[in-house]
Amino acid sequence: MATEEYYSLKSKARLAGITRSEYIRGCIQSSMVKERLSSELMGQIRQLSGMANNVNQLAQKANAAGYGEAHKDCMDTMKGLDNIIKRIEDGC
């Protein structure tokens, strides 16, 4: 454990009014460990992020050109892509 981590643990346990051991046990009991995302899934997230960027650029151009409805459609699509990315990252 790094020195900074040790002092963070010590401070949090003191604020909670419990020992470091009790604090660690509480963290273990109430935490949920998620498995790492596969490289394939990370690639898909990068692709979706790229798509979201492209949609955002299209929305900005449409807005600048006075195509308000197209801008709204692009923004809605981008929000949908962002939601998909978040669900994937959170484990669906």
Protein backbone atom coordinates (compact mmCIF):
# COMPACT_ATOMS: atom_id res chain seq x y z
CA MET A 1 0.00 0.00 0.00
CA ALA A 2 1.38 3.40 -0.95
CA THR A 3 1.89 5.99 1.77
CA GLU A 4 -0.86 8.21 0.37
CA GLU A 5 -3.31 5.28 0.31
CA TYR A 6 -2.40 4.37 3.90
CA TYR A 7 -3.11 7.87 5.18
CA SER A 8 -6.35 8.01 3.20
CA LEU A 9 -7.45 4.72 4.78
CA LYS A 10 -6.40 5.90 8.24
CA SER A 11 -8.32 9.17 7.83
CA LYS A 12 -11.50 7.51 6.54
CA ALA A 13 -11.48 4.95 9.35
CA ARG A 14 -10.96 7.68 11.95
CA LEU A 15 -13.84 9.75 10.50
CA ALA A 16 -16.07 6.67 10.65
CA GLY A 17 -15.00 6.06 14.26
CA ILE A 18 -13.74 2.54 13.60
CA THR A 19 -10.40 0.77 13.27
CA ARG A 20 -8.65 0.42 9.95
CA SER A 21 -9.36 -3.32 10.01
CA GLU A 22 -13.08 -2.74 10.59
CA TYR A 23 -13.13 -0.17 7.80
CA ILE A 24 -11.45 -2.59 5.37
CA ARG A 25 -13.84 -5.41 6.35
CA GLY A 26 -16.80 -3.09 5.78
CA CYS A 27 -15.48 -2.12 2.36
CA ILE A 28 -15.01 -5.76 1.40
CA GLN A 29 -18.50 -6.74 2.55
CA SER A 30 -20.31 -3.88 0.85
CA SER A 31 -18.33 -3.61 -2.37
CA MET A 32 -18.92 -5.19 -5.74
CA VAL A 33 -15.98 -6.02 -7.98
CA LYS A 34 -16.65 -5.88 -11.70
CA GLU A 35 -14.61 -7.83 -14.19
CA ARG A 36 -12.54 -5.89 -16.67
CA LEU A 37 -14.05 -5.17 -20.04
CA SER A 38 -12.73 -7.41 -22.79
CA SER A 39 -10.54 -5.89 -25.49
CA GLU A 40 -13.33 -6.62 -27.98
CA LEU A 41 -15.85 -4.71 -25.88
CA MET A 42 -13.40 -1.84 -25.39
CA GLY A 43 -13.01 -1.70 -29.18
CA GLN A 44 -16.77 -1.48 -29.58
CA ILE A 45 -16.94 1.30 -27.01
CA ARG A 46 -14.24 3.20 -28.94
CA GLN A 47 -16.24 2.75 -32.15
CA LEU A 48 -19.42 4.01 -30.50
CA SER A 49 -17.51 6.96 -29.05
CA GLY A 50 -16.22 7.78 -32.52
CA MET A 51 -19.75 7.62 -33.89
CA ALA A 52 -20.96 9.92 -31.12
CA ASN A 53 -18.20 12.39 -32.00
CA ASN A 54 -19.18 12.30 -35.67
CA VAL A 55 -22.85 12.86 -34.82
CA ASN A 56 -21.88 15.77 -32.57
CA GLN A 57 -19.86 17.37 -35.39
CA LEU A 58 -22.80 16.93 -37.78
CA ALA A 59 -25.14 18.48 -35.23
CA GLN A 60 -22.87 21.50 -34.83
CA LYS A 61 -22.68 21.98 -38.62
CA ALA A 62 -26.45 21.60 -38.98
CA ASN A 63 -27.04 24.10 -36.21
CA ALA A 64 -24.61 26.59 -37.77
CA ALA A 65 -26.35 26.21 -41.15
CA GLY A 66 -29.77 26.84 -39.64
CA TYR A 67 -31.09 23.28 -39.79
CA GLY A 68 -32.57 23.19 -36.31
CA GLU A 69 -34.52 19.97 -36.78
CA ALA A 70 -31.45 18.12 -38.10
CA HIS A 71 -29.49 19.43 -35.13
CA LYS A 72 -32.15 18.09 -32.75
CA ASP A 73 -32.13 14.68 -34.47
CA CYS A 74 -28.35 14.50 -34.26
CA MET A 75 -28.39 15.43 -30.58
CA ASP A 76 -31.04 12.78 -29.85
CA THR A 77 -28.95 10.17 -31.68
CA MET A 78 -25.86 11.23 -29.77
CA LYS A 79 -27.69 10.91 -26.44
CA GLY A 80 -28.78 7.41 -27.46
CA LEU A 81 -25.20 6.45 -28.29
CA ASP A 82 -24.00 7.88 -24.97
CA ASN A 83 -26.62 5.82 -23.13
CA ILE A 84 -25.52 2.65 -24.94
CA ILE A 85 -21.88 3.33 -24.05
CA LYS A 86 -22.80 3.92 -20.40
CA ARG A 87 -24.83 0.69 -20.23
CA ILE A 88 -21.93 -1.27 -21.72
CA GLU A 89 -19.47 0.26 -19.27
CA ASP A 90 -21.82 -0.45 -16.35
CA GLY A 91 -22.18 -4.08 -17.38
CA CYS A 92 -25.61 -3.77 -19.09
